[in-house]
Amino acid sequence: DMGINKIYTTIVRGSHPSGTCALGKVVNKD
């Protein structure tokens, strides 16, 4: 709609690594 006719895409990435010491599994509520 903005006037771009051919679409390209990057590889899949992630920049917010999280969850590896999760509450209820590795740590408690404190």
PDB file of all heavy atoms in Angstrom:
ATOM      1  N   ASP A   1       0.828  -1.209   0.000  1.00  0.00           N
ATOM      2  CA  ASP A   1       0.000   0.000   0.000  1.00  0.00           C
ATOM      3  C   ASP A   1       0.863   1.261   0.000  1.00  0.00           C
ATOM      4  O   ASP A   1       0.455   2.307  -0.512  1.00  0.00           O
ATOM      5  CB  ASP A   1      -0.909  -0.014   1.231  1.00  0.00           C
ATOM      6  CG  ASP A   1      -1.991   1.053   1.159  1.00  0.00           C
ATOM      7  OD1 ASP A   1      -2.452   1.366   0.040  1.00  0.00           O
ATOM      8  OD2 ASP A   1      -2.372   1.575   2.226  1.00  0.00           O
ATOM      9  N   MET A   2       2.070   1.158   0.558  1.00  0.00           N
ATOM     10  CA  MET A   2       2.987   2.292   0.589  1.00  0.00           C
ATOM     11  C   MET A   2       3.788   2.424  -0.710  1.00  0.00           C
ATOM     12  O   MET A   2       4.585   3.348  -0.857  1.00  0.00           O
ATOM     13  CB  MET A   2       3.950   2.166   1.771  1.00  0.00           C
ATOM     14  CG  MET A   2       3.296   2.246   3.149  1.00  0.00           C
ATOM     15  SD  MET A   2       2.507   3.842   3.487  1.00  0.00           S
ATOM     16  CE  MET A   2       0.772   3.360   3.455  1.00  0.00           C
ATOM     17  N   GLY A   3       3.592   1.475  -1.631  1.00  0.00           N
ATOM     18  CA  GLY A   3       4.250   1.564  -2.930  1.00  0.00           C
ATOM     19  C   GLY A   3       5.422   0.624  -3.129  1.00  0.00           C
ATOM     20  O   GLY A   3       6.188   0.775  -4.094  1.00  0.00           O
ATOM     21  N   ILE A   4       5.595  -0.353  -2.223  1.00  0.00           N
ATOM     22  CA  ILE A   4       6.681  -1.324  -2.357  1.00  0.00           C
ATOM     23  C   ILE A   4       6.146  -2.578  -3.049  1.00  0.00           C
ATOM     24  O   ILE A   4       5.223  -3.221  -2.548  1.00  0.00           O
ATOM     25  CB  ILE A   4       7.275  -1.679  -0.977  1.00  0.00           C
ATOM     26  CG1 ILE A   4       7.900  -0.422  -0.357  1.00  0.00           C
ATOM     27  CG2 ILE A   4       8.307  -2.789  -1.086  1.00  0.00           C
ATOM     28  CD1 ILE A   4       8.390  -0.604   1.060  1.00  0.00           C
ATOM     29  N   ASN A   5       6.723  -2.926  -4.183  1.00  0.00           N
ATOM     30  CA  ASN A   5       6.177  -4.009  -5.000  1.00  0.00           C
ATOM     31  C   ASN A   5       6.792  -5.368  -4.693  1.00  0.00           C
ATOM     32  O   ASN A   5       6.100  -6.387  -4.678  1.00  0.00           O
ATOM     33  CB  ASN A   5       6.375  -3.691  -6.485  1.00  0.00           C
ATOM     34  CG  ASN A   5       5.613  -2.438  -6.896  1.00  0.00           C
ATOM     35  OD1 ASN A   5       4.473  -2.251  -6.487  1.00  0.00           O
ATOM     36  ND2 ASN A   5       6.250  -1.568  -7.673  1.00  0.00           N
ATOM     37  N   LYS A   6       8.106  -5.409  -4.462  1.00  0.00           N
ATOM     38  CA  LYS A   6       8.768  -6.675  -4.182  1.00  0.00           C
ATOM     39  C   LYS A   6       9.217  -6.703  -2.730  1.00  0.00           C
ATOM     40  O   LYS A   6       9.896  -5.792  -2.264  1.00  0.00           O
ATOM     41  CB  LYS A   6       9.971  -6.880  -5.105  1.00  0.00           C
ATOM     42  CG  LYS A   6      10.618  -8.246  -4.943  1.00  0.00           C
ATOM     43  CD  LYS A   6      11.716  -8.482  -5.982  1.00  0.00           C
ATOM     44  CE  LYS A   6      12.325  -9.881  -5.800  1.00  0.00           C
ATOM     45  NZ  LYS A   6      13.388 -10.153  -6.792  1.00  0.00           N
ATOM     46  N   ILE A   7       8.812  -7.774  -2.005  1.00  0.00           N
ATOM     47  CA  ILE A   7       9.077  -7.873  -0.574  1.00  0.00           C
ATOM     48  C   ILE A   7      10.240  -8.842  -0.308  1.00  0.00           C
ATOM     49  O   ILE A   7      10.274  -9.953  -0.832  1.00  0.00           O
ATOM     50  CB  ILE A   7       7.825  -8.363   0.187  1.00  0.00           C
ATOM     51  CG1 ILE A   7       6.606  -7.485  -0.138  1.00  0.00           C
ATOM     52  CG2 ILE A   7       8.088  -8.387   1.686  1.00  0.00           C
ATOM     53  CD1 ILE A   7       6.730  -6.052   0.286  1.00  0.00           C
ATOM     54  N   TYR A   8      11.179  -8.399   0.511  1.00  0.00           N
ATOM     55  CA  TYR A   8      12.302  -9.220   0.960  1.00  0.00           C
ATOM     56  C   TYR A   8      12.150  -9.468   2.461  1.00  0.00           C
ATOM     57  O   TYR A   8      11.452  -8.726   3.159  1.00  0.00           O
ATOM     58  CB  TYR A   8      13.634  -8.523   0.696  1.00  0.00           C
ATOM     59  CG  TYR A   8      13.942  -8.253  -0.757  1.00  0.00           C
ATOM     60  CD1 TYR A   8      13.359  -7.174  -1.430  1.00  0.00           C
ATOM     61  CD2 TYR A   8      14.835  -9.057  -1.464  1.00  0.00           C
ATOM     62  CE1 TYR A   8      13.646  -6.917  -2.770  1.00  0.00           C
ATOM     63  CE2 TYR A   8      15.133  -8.802  -2.794  1.00  0.00           C
ATOM     64  CZ  TYR A   8      14.528  -7.733  -3.436  1.00  0.00           C
ATOM     65  OH  TYR A   8      14.831  -7.470  -4.763  1.00  0.00           O
ATOM     66  N   THR A   9      12.830 -10.494   2.959  1.00  0.00           N
ATOM     67  CA  THR A   9      12.753 -10.790   4.394  1.00  0.00           C
ATOM     68  C   THR A   9      14.114 -11.190   4.950  1.00  0.00           C
ATOM     69  O   THR A   9      14.958 -11.740   4.221  1.00  0.00           O
ATOM     70  CB  THR A   9      11.736 -11.919   4.673  1.00  0.00           C
ATOM     71  OG1 THR A   9      11.605 -12.108   6.084  1.00  0.00           O
ATOM     72  CG2 THR A   9      12.161 -13.226   4.006  1.00  0.00           C
ATOM     73  N   THR A  10      14.330 -10.910   6.209  1.00  0.00           N
ATOM     74  CA  THR A  10      15.576 -11.281   6.880  1.00  0.00           C
ATOM     75  C   THR A  10      15.472 -12.701   7.434  1.00  0.00           C
ATOM     76  O   THR A  10      14.410 -13.328   7.411  1.00  0.00           O
ATOM     77  CB  THR A  10      15.876 -10.335   8.058  1.00  0.00           C
ATOM     78  OG1 THR A  10      14.854 -10.498   9.058  1.00  0.00           O
ATOM     79  CG2 THR A  10      15.936  -8.900   7.619  1.00  0.00           C
ATOM     80  N   ILE A  11      16.585 -13.190   7.968  1.00  0.00           N
ATOM     81  CA  ILE A  11      16.571 -14.434   8.717  1.00  0.00           C
ATOM     82  C   ILE A  11      15.772 -14.226  10.008  1.00  0.00           C
ATOM     83  O   ILE A  11      15.503 -13.100  10.421  1.00  0.00           O
ATOM     84  CB  ILE A  11      17.995 -14.910   9.046  1.00  0.00           C
ATOM     85  CG1 ILE A  11      18.739 -13.841   9.888  1.00  0.00           C
ATOM     86  CG2 ILE A  11      18.767 -15.234   7.778  1.00  0.00           C
ATOM     87  CD1 ILE A  11      20.079 -14.302  10.410  1.00  0.00           C
ATOM     88  N   VAL A  12      15.427 -15.326  10.666  1.00  0.00           N
ATOM     89  CA  VAL A  12      14.685 -15.257  11.924  1.00  0.00           C
ATOM     90  C   VAL A  12      15.666 -15.035  13.072  1.00  0.00           C
ATOM     91  O   VAL A  12      16.662 -15.760  13.209  1.00  0.00           O
ATOM     92  CB  VAL A  12      13.884 -16.557  12.152  1.00  0.00           C
ATOM     93  CG1 VAL A  12      13.049 -16.437  13.425  1.00  0.00           C
ATOM     94  CG2 VAL A  12      12.991 -16.848  10.952  1.00  0.00           C
ATOM     95  N   ARG A  13      15.370 -14.018  13.878  1.00  0.00           N
ATOM     96  CA  ARG A  13      16.252 -13.677  14.992  1.00  0.00           C
ATOM     97  C   ARG A  13      15.455 -13.472  16.272  1.00  0.00           C
ATOM     98  O   ARG A  13      14.229 -13.404  16.259  1.00  0.00           O
ATOM     99  CB  ARG A  13      17.045 -12.398  14.679  1.00  0.00           C
ATOM    100  CG  ARG A  13      18.022 -12.544  13.532  1.00  0.00           C
ATOM    101  CD  ARG A  13      18.703 -11.232  13.198  1.00  0.00           C
ATOM    102  NE  ARG A  13      17.810 -10.315  12.499  1.00  0.00           N
ATOM    103  CZ  ARG A  13      18.100  -9.045  12.232  1.00  0.00           C
ATOM    104  NH1 ARG A  13      19.268  -8.547  12.624  1.00  0.00           N
ATOM    105  NH2 ARG A  13      17.264  -8.289  11.573  1.00  0.00           N
ATOM    106  N   GLY A  14      16.160 -13.355  17.387  1.00  0.00           N
ATOM    107  CA  GLY A  14      15.552 -13.028  18.665  1.00  0.00           C
ATOM    108  C   GLY A  14      16.537 -12.243  19.502  1.00  0.00           C
ATOM    109  O   GLY A  14      17.726 -12.591  19.549  1.00  0.00           O
ATOM    110  N   SER A  15      16.085 -11.171  20.141  1.00  0.00           N
ATOM    111  CA  SER A  15      17.020 -10.304  20.863  1.00  0.00           C
ATOM    112  C   SER A  15      16.670 -10.115  22.333  1.00  0.00           C
ATOM    113  O   SER A  15      17.260  -9.275  23.005  1.00  0.00           O
ATOM    114  CB  SER A  15      17.081  -8.928  20.182  1.00  0.00           C
ATOM    115  OG  SER A  15      15.792  -8.353  20.115  1.00  0.00           O
ATOM    116  N   HIS A  16      15.705 -10.880  22.836  1.00  0.00           N
ATOM    117  CA  HIS A  16      15.334 -10.781  24.250  1.00  0.00           C
ATOM    118  C   HIS A  16      15.376 -12.169  24.901  1.00  0.00           C
ATOM    119  O   HIS A  16      14.349 -12.684  25.348  1.00  0.00           O
ATOM    120  CB  HIS A  16      13.931 -10.191  24.426  1.00  0.00           C
ATOM    121  CG  HIS A  16      13.742  -8.848  23.833  1.00  0.00           C
ATOM    122  ND1 HIS A  16      12.516  -8.393  23.371  1.00  0.00           N
ATOM    123  CD2 HIS A  16      14.619  -7.836  23.610  1.00  0.00           C
ATOM    124  CE1 HIS A  16      12.648  -7.165  22.895  1.00  0.00           C
ATOM    125  NE2 HIS A  16      13.922  -6.806  23.031  1.00  0.00           N
ATOM    126  N   PRO A  17      16.542 -12.833  24.964  1.00  0.00           N
ATOM    127  CA  PRO A  17      16.586 -14.164  25.572  1.00  0.00           C
ATOM    128  C   PRO A  17      16.116 -14.130  27.024  1.00  0.00           C
ATOM    129  O   PRO A  17      16.605 -13.346  27.828  1.00  0.00           O
ATOM    130  CB  PRO A  17      18.065 -14.560  25.463  1.00  0.00           C
ATOM    131  CG  PRO A  17      18.810 -13.281  25.255  1.00  0.00           C
ATOM    132  CD  PRO A  17      17.880 -12.372  24.535  1.00  0.00           C
ATOM    133  N   SER A  18      15.147 -14.987  27.334  1.00  0.00           N
ATOM    134  CA  SER A  18      14.483 -14.931  28.638  1.00  0.00           C
ATOM    135  C   SER A  18      13.972 -16.313  29.030  1.00  0.00           C
ATOM    136  O   SER A  18      13.947 -17.239  28.226  1.00  0.00           O
ATOM    137  CB  SER A  18      13.287 -13.958  28.581  1.00  0.00           C
ATOM    138  OG  SER A  18      13.642 -12.690  28.074  1.00  0.00           O
ATOM    139  N   GLY A  19      13.527 -16.433  30.288  1.00  0.00           N
ATOM    140  CA  GLY A  19      12.797 -17.608  30.739  1.00  0.00           C
ATOM    141  C   GLY A  19      13.625 -18.756  31.263  1.00  0.00           C
ATOM    142  O   GLY A  19      13.067 -19.756  31.730  1.00  0.00           O
ATOM    143  N   THR A  20      14.944 -18.664  31.230  1.00  0.00           N
ATOM    144  CA  THR A  20      15.809 -19.815  31.515  1.00  0.00           C
ATOM    145  C   THR A  20      16.025 -20.083  33.004  1.00  0.00           C
ATOM    146  O   THR A  20      16.621 -21.093  33.368  1.00  0.00           O
ATOM    147  CB  THR A  20      17.170 -19.615  30.834  1.00  0.00           C
ATOM    148  OG1 THR A  20      17.647 -18.286  31.132  1.00  0.00           O
ATOM    149  CG2 THR A  20      17.050 -19.768  29.322  1.00  0.00           C
ATOM    150  N   CYS A  21      15.539 -19.191  33.853  1.00  0.00           N
ATOM    151  CA  CYS A  21      15.525 -19.423  35.308  1.00  0.00           C
ATOM    152  C   CYS A  21      14.123 -19.083  35.818  1.00  0.00           C
ATOM    153  O   CYS A  21      13.943 -18.320  36.766  1.00  0.00           O
ATOM    154  CB  CYS A  21      16.558 -18.555  36.025  1.00  0.00           C
ATOM    155  SG  CYS A  21      18.266 -18.788  35.496  1.00  0.00           S
ATOM    156  N   ALA A  22      13.141 -19.660  35.178  1.00  0.00           N
ATOM    157  CA  ALA A  22      11.755 -19.202  35.295  1.00  0.00           C
ATOM    158  C   ALA A  22      11.196 -19.300  36.713  1.00  0.00           C
ATOM    159  O   ALA A  22      11.498 -20.229  37.474  1.00  0.00           O
ATOM    160  CB  ALA A  22      10.868 -19.992  34.338  1.00  0.00           C
ATOM    161  N   LEU A  23      10.339 -18.315  37.030  1.00  0.00           N
ATOM    162  CA  LEU A  23       9.594 -18.317  38.281  1.00  0.00           C
ATOM    163  C   LEU A  23       8.737 -19.577  38.357  1.00  0.00           C
ATOM    164  O   LEU A  23       8.067 -19.945  37.399  1.00  0.00           O
ATOM    165  CB  LEU A  23       8.695 -17.077  38.344  1.00  0.00           C
ATOM    166  CG  LEU A  23       7.827 -16.916  39.582  1.00  0.00           C
ATOM    167  CD1 LEU A  23       8.674 -16.457  40.762  1.00  0.00           C
ATOM    168  CD2 LEU A  23       6.700 -15.934  39.338  1.00  0.00           C
ATOM    169  N   GLY A  24       8.769 -20.238  39.502  1.00  0.00           N
ATOM    170  CA  GLY A  24       8.007 -21.463  39.683  1.00  0.00           C
ATOM    171  C   GLY A  24       8.750 -22.711  39.268  1.00  0.00           C
ATOM    172  O   GLY A  24       8.296 -23.825  39.545  1.00  0.00           O
ATOM    173  N   LYS A  25       9.897 -22.524  38.604  1.00  0.00           N
ATOM    174  CA  LYS A  25      10.699 -23.667  38.166  1.00  0.00           C
ATOM    175  C   LYS A  25      12.110 -23.623  38.749  1.00  0.00           C
ATOM    176  O   LYS A  25      12.610 -24.612  39.276  1.00  0.00           O
ATOM    177  CB  LYS A  25      10.747 -23.715  36.643  1.00  0.00           C
ATOM    178  CG  LYS A  25       9.387 -23.978  36.010  1.00  0.00           C
ATOM    179  CD  LYS A  25       9.476 -24.048  34.497  1.00  0.00           C
ATOM    180  CE  LYS A  25       8.113 -24.373  33.905  1.00  0.00           C
ATOM    181  NZ  LYS A  25       8.146 -24.453  32.428  1.00  0.00           N
ATOM    182  N   VAL A  26      12.751 -22.473  38.627  1.00  0.00           N
ATOM    183  CA  VAL A  26      14.116 -22.309  39.155  1.00  0.00           C
ATOM    184  C   VAL A  26      14.118 -21.392  40.372  1.00  0.00           C
ATOM    185  O   VAL A  26      14.883 -21.596  41.314  1.00  0.00           O
ATOM    186  CB  VAL A  26      15.072 -21.785  38.065  1.00  0.00           C
ATOM    187  CG1 VAL A  26      16.475 -21.540  38.625  1.00  0.00           C
ATOM    188  CG2 VAL A  26      15.142 -22.768  36.892  1.00  0.00           C
ATOM    189  N   VAL A  27      13.269 -20.361  40.358  1.00  0.00           N
ATOM    190  CA  VAL A  27      13.174 -19.449  41.501  1.00  0.00           C
ATOM    191  C   VAL A  27      11.744 -19.429  42.028  1.00  0.00           C
ATOM    192  O   VAL A  27      10.793 -19.735  41.293  1.00  0.00           O
ATOM    193  CB  VAL A  27      13.619 -18.010  41.135  1.00  0.00           C
ATOM    194  CG1 VAL A  27      15.072 -17.987  40.716  1.00  0.00           C
ATOM    195  CG2 VAL A  27      12.727 -17.409  40.037  1.00  0.00           C
ATOM    196  N   ASN A  28      11.596 -19.043  43.297  1.00  0.00           N
ATOM    197  CA  ASN A  28      10.260 -18.918  43.891  1.00  0.00           C
ATOM    198  C   ASN A  28       9.736 -17.502  43.741  1.00  0.00           C
ATOM    199  O   ASN A  28      10.356 -16.671  43.051  1.00  0.00           O
ATOM    200  CB  ASN A  28      10.283 -19.361  45.357  1.00  0.00           C
ATOM    201  CG  ASN A  28      11.195 -18.486  46.236  1.00  0.00           C
ATOM    202  OD1 ASN A  28      11.533 -17.344  45.880  1.00  0.00           O
ATOM    203  ND2 ASN A  28      11.599 -19.014  47.382  1.00  0.00           N
ATOM    204  N   LYS A  29       8.634 -17.194  44.374  1.00  0.00           N
ATOM    205  CA  LYS A  29       8.008 -15.876  44.229  1.00  0.00           C
ATOM    206  C   LYS A  29       8.898 -14.738  44.718  1.00  0.00           C
ATOM    207  O   LYS A  29       8.702 -13.572  44.344  1.00  0.00           O
ATOM    208  CB  LYS A  29       6.665 -15.844  44.971  1.00  0.00           C
ATOM    209  CG  LYS A  29       6.758 -16.063  46.460  1.00  0.00           C
ATOM    210  CD  LYS A  29       5.392 -16.042  47.111  1.00  0.00           C
ATOM    211  CE  LYS A  29       5.465 -16.330  48.605  1.00  0.00           C
ATOM    212  NZ  LYS A  29       6.279 -15.352  49.350  1.00  0.00           N
ATOM    213  N   ASP A  30       9.876 -15.050  45.546  1.00  0.00           N
ATOM    214  CA  ASP A  30      10.826 -14.043  46.026  1.00  0.00           C
ATOM    215  C   ASP A  30      12.088 -13.997  45.161  1.00  0.00           C
ATOM    216  O   ASP A  30      13.067 -13.332  45.512  1.00  0.00           O
ATOM    217  CB  ASP A  30      11.212 -14.333  47.477  1.00  0.00           C
ATOM    218  CG  ASP A  30      10.022 -14.248  48.425  1.00  0.00           C
ATOM    219  OD1 ASP A  30       9.205 -13.324  48.264  1.00  0.00           O
ATOM    220  OD2 ASP A  30       9.899 -15.126  49.300  1.00  0.00           O
TER     221      ASP A  30
END
